[in-house]
Protein backbone atom coordinates (compact mmCIF):
# COMPACT_ATOMS: atom_id res chain seq x y z
CA MET A 1 31.59 -58.77 -76.05
CA MET A 2 28.04 -58.12 -75.28
CA GLU A 3 27.46 -56.48 -72.10
CA LEU A 4 24.92 -57.08 -69.34
CA VAL A 5 24.42 -55.48 -65.85
CA VAL A 6 23.89 -57.79 -63.07
CA ALA A 7 21.19 -56.30 -60.99
CA THR A 8 23.30 -57.47 -57.54
CA ARG A 9 25.26 -55.48 -54.91
CA ASN A 10 26.06 -58.81 -53.46
CA ALA A 11 29.76 -59.50 -54.24
CA GLY A 12 29.67 -63.10 -54.13
CA LYS A 13 27.04 -63.93 -56.67
CA LEU A 14 28.34 -61.47 -58.69
CA LYS A 15 31.71 -62.93 -58.71
CA GLU A 16 30.21 -66.25 -59.12
CA ILE A 17 27.88 -65.13 -62.29
CA ARG A 18 30.98 -63.05 -63.55
CA ARG A 19 32.90 -66.26 -63.78
CA LEU A 20 30.43 -68.08 -65.72
CA LEU A 21 29.22 -65.49 -68.28
CA GLU A 22 32.75 -64.08 -68.83
CA SER A 23 33.94 -67.26 -70.07
CA HIS A 24 31.34 -67.16 -72.79
CA GLY A 25 31.99 -63.81 -74.00
CA VAL A 26 29.90 -61.98 -71.94
CA SER A 27 30.78 -58.54 -69.92
CA VAL A 28 29.47 -58.53 -66.70
CA LEU A 29 29.00 -54.90 -65.41
CA GLY A 30 27.72 -54.82 -62.00
CA LEU A 31 25.94 -52.31 -60.39
CA GLU A 32 28.69 -50.54 -58.47
CA GLY A 33 29.12 -48.95 -61.96
CA PHE A 34 25.88 -46.90 -62.20
CA PRO A 35 25.70 -44.61 -59.03
CA GLY A 36 22.00 -44.02 -58.40
CA ALA A 37 20.74 -47.24 -59.80
CA PRO A 38 17.63 -48.12 -57.60
CA ASP A 39 17.56 -50.18 -54.76
CA VAL A 40 14.33 -52.49 -55.88
CA VAL A 41 12.28 -53.61 -53.05
CA GLU A 42 12.12 -57.48 -53.16
CA ASP A 43 8.58 -57.86 -51.68
CA GLY A 44 7.44 -60.57 -54.64
CA ARG A 45 5.32 -63.92 -53.30
CA THR A 46 7.88 -65.71 -55.65
CA PHE A 47 11.40 -65.83 -56.25
CA ALA A 48 10.02 -65.03 -60.15
CA GLU A 49 7.82 -62.16 -59.10
CA ASN A 50 10.99 -60.67 -57.48
CA ALA A 51 13.77 -61.35 -60.45
CA ILE A 52 11.84 -59.81 -63.19
CA LYS A 53 10.90 -56.53 -61.10
CA LYS A 54 15.03 -56.32 -59.93
CA ALA A 55 15.65 -56.69 -63.79
CA GLU A 56 12.99 -54.57 -65.44
CA ALA A 57 14.11 -51.63 -63.03
CA VAL A 58 17.56 -51.71 -63.73
CA ALA A 59 17.10 -52.46 -67.40
CA GLN A 60 15.20 -49.29 -67.55
CA PHE A 61 17.34 -46.95 -65.51
CA THR A 62 20.80 -48.31 -67.59
CA GLY A 63 19.21 -48.76 -70.73
CA LEU A 64 21.20 -51.66 -71.20
CA ALA A 65 20.29 -55.56 -70.93
CA CYS A 66 19.80 -56.76 -67.30
CA LEU A 67 20.31 -60.17 -65.62
CA ALA A 68 18.61 -60.51 -62.25
CA ASP A 69 18.02 -63.63 -59.83
CA ASP A 70 16.29 -64.19 -57.04
CA SER A 71 17.39 -67.27 -55.12
CA GLY A 72 17.18 -69.22 -51.85
CA LEU A 73 16.93 -72.02 -49.55
CA VAL A 74 13.87 -74.00 -49.21
CA VAL A 75 13.61 -76.37 -45.80
CA ASP A 76 10.80 -78.84 -45.95
CA ALA A 77 11.05 -78.76 -42.28
CA LEU A 78 9.97 -75.25 -42.03
CA HIS A 79 7.14 -75.32 -44.91
CA GLY A 80 9.55 -73.61 -47.21
CA ARG A 81 10.78 -71.06 -45.50
CA PRO A 82 13.32 -69.11 -45.55
CA GLY A 83 12.27 -69.01 -49.07
CA VAL A 84 11.69 -65.72 -50.60
CA HIS A 85 12.92 -64.16 -47.65
CA SER A 86 16.02 -66.04 -47.46
CA ALA A 87 18.55 -62.88 -47.48
CA ARG A 88 16.64 -61.46 -44.55
CA PHE A 89 15.29 -64.16 -42.37
CA SER A 90 17.15 -62.97 -38.99
CA GLY A 91 15.77 -59.11 -39.76
CA ALA A 92 15.86 -56.34 -42.07
CA ASP A 93 19.88 -55.86 -40.56
CA ALA A 94 20.25 -59.63 -41.62
CA ASP A 95 23.67 -61.21 -42.46
CA ASP A 96 24.94 -64.16 -43.51
CA GLN A 97 26.11 -65.22 -39.85
CA SER A 98 22.67 -64.22 -38.59
CA ASN A 99 20.33 -65.84 -40.91
CA ASN A 100 22.74 -69.06 -40.33
CA ARG A 101 22.27 -68.84 -36.68
CA LYS A 102 18.41 -68.32 -36.94
CA LEU A 103 18.53 -71.38 -39.42
CA LEU A 104 20.20 -73.41 -36.99
CA ASP A 105 18.10 -72.08 -34.07
CA GLU A 106 15.20 -73.41 -36.19
CA MET A 107 16.27 -76.53 -36.96
CA THR A 108 16.84 -77.58 -33.47
CA GLY A 109 16.16 -81.13 -32.73
CA ILE A 110 14.81 -81.85 -36.34
CA PRO A 111 16.46 -85.45 -36.88
CA ALA A 112 19.01 -86.27 -39.64
CA ASP A 113 16.06 -87.72 -41.42
CA ARG A 114 13.84 -84.99 -41.96
CA ARG A 115 16.51 -82.19 -42.65
CA GLN A 116 15.71 -82.27 -46.58
CA ALA A 117 16.17 -78.73 -48.32
CA ALA A 118 16.80 -77.14 -51.88
CA PHE A 119 18.72 -73.96 -52.98
CA ARG A 120 16.23 -72.53 -55.88
CA CYS A 121 16.98 -70.09 -58.65
CA VAL A 122 14.89 -68.01 -61.05
CA MET A 123 16.98 -65.52 -63.03
CA ALA A 124 15.14 -62.78 -64.94
CA LEU A 125 16.80 -61.47 -68.80
CA CYS A 126 15.67 -58.39 -69.47
CA LEU A 127 16.40 -57.00 -73.04
CA PRO A 128 15.97 -53.96 -74.24
CA GLY A 129 12.95 -54.28 -77.03
CA GLN A 130 11.77 -57.83 -75.74
CA SER A 131 10.01 -59.83 -73.14
CA THR A 132 11.33 -60.94 -69.94
CA ARG A 133 12.79 -64.13 -70.04
CA LEU A 134 13.40 -66.38 -67.23
CA PHE A 135 15.78 -69.68 -66.37
CA GLU A 136 15.73 -71.42 -63.12
CA GLY A 137 17.58 -74.18 -61.42
CA SER A 138 17.30 -75.89 -58.28
CA VAL A 139 19.87 -78.37 -56.51
CA ASN A 140 18.81 -80.42 -53.34
CA GLY A 141 20.64 -81.02 -50.29
CA MET A 142 20.41 -81.22 -46.51
CA ILE A 143 20.89 -79.04 -43.36
CA LEU A 144 23.86 -79.55 -41.25
CA GLU A 145 23.76 -79.19 -37.60
CA TRP A 146 27.01 -76.68 -37.85
CA GLN A 147 28.57 -74.95 -40.23
CA GLN A 148 31.54 -76.47 -42.79
CA GLY A 149 33.56 -74.97 -45.64
CA ASP A 150 34.89 -71.24 -45.97
CA ASP A 151 34.15 -70.65 -49.33
CA GLY A 152 30.98 -69.55 -50.72
CA PHE A 153 28.08 -67.24 -48.95
CA GLY A 154 24.56 -67.12 -47.67
CA TYR A 155 23.44 -70.75 -46.44
CA ASP A 156 26.75 -72.45 -47.96
CA PRO A 157 28.23 -73.78 -44.90
CA LEU A 158 25.07 -75.23 -43.74
CA PHE A 159 23.97 -76.99 -47.36
CA TRP A 160 24.82 -80.61 -47.55
CA LEU A 161 25.82 -82.24 -50.55
CA PRO A 162 25.28 -86.01 -50.62
CA ASP A 163 26.68 -86.89 -53.98
CA HIS A 164 29.87 -84.96 -53.30
CA ASN A 165 30.24 -85.75 -49.57
CA CYS A 166 30.76 -82.27 -48.76
CA SER A 167 29.21 -78.71 -48.28
CA MET A 168 28.07 -75.91 -50.52
CA ALA A 169 31.44 -73.99 -49.07
CA GLU A 170 33.62 -76.64 -49.59
CA LEU A 171 33.46 -76.92 -53.37
CA PRO A 172 35.96 -75.25 -55.69
CA LEU A 173 34.10 -72.33 -57.60
CA ASP A 174 34.15 -74.19 -60.87
CA THR A 175 32.35 -77.09 -59.23
CA LYS A 176 29.97 -75.22 -57.74
CA ASN A 177 28.84 -72.80 -60.87
CA ARG A 178 28.25 -76.90 -62.48
CA ILE A 179 26.18 -78.49 -60.20
CA SER A 180 24.69 -75.26 -58.13
CA HIS A 181 21.04 -73.86 -58.47
CA ARG A 182 22.24 -70.64 -60.05
CA GLY A 183 24.90 -72.30 -62.25
CA GLN A 184 21.81 -74.43 -63.75
CA ALA A 185 19.97 -71.18 -64.56
CA LEU A 186 22.93 -69.33 -65.75
CA ARG A 187 23.64 -72.45 -68.14
CA GLN A 188 20.26 -71.91 -69.75
CA LEU A 189 20.75 -67.80 -69.99
CA VAL A 190 24.11 -68.84 -72.09
CA ASP A 191 22.20 -71.30 -73.98
CA ALA A 192 19.76 -68.12 -75.05
CA LEU A 193 22.44 -65.79 -75.29
CA ALA A 194 23.99 -67.33 -78.09
CA SER A 195 21.08 -67.97 -79.93
CA LEU A 196 20.44 -63.96 -80.01
CA PRO A 197 20.71 -62.80 -83.48
CA THR A 198 24.25 -61.05 -83.66
């Protein structure tokens, strides 16, 4: 079984990634198993820059194959914000609730037909001795005026999926993994891993 370190301390994100990859014969290791692993500053201008930086730094530290992602919410009415700053939208000590409150505040008064948004994800796979590879996914939706649903994390309770008539936080995890931005990128990753020489 292949071992893959996932460069995140986000428990929700790690759970999603582990759920999908372990069913494909990949043993997913979190950073909690690597004391002293670097906290990589996500100062890139794009999701891709941040994902590459994290994957390469953690791969170098652990000596193992590493997967990192940078993902976030892109809101049309906010000119693409919060974007790469999604995790710290409400400040350095941001958490999901404070980020969601700030998003709702900034969307106050914006009518339903102008609340389009997308979740975007870029994943970087760094394998020893190989060039870092990128995988991308996105899902379109709308920003709700209040939170709905108790599952998921981040902005999921505010992200409405018209095709499913529910928020991202109301989807079962397996369904979320199938349709989400992260799920799309992970499926591309699985295909790439399957093509590697054994």
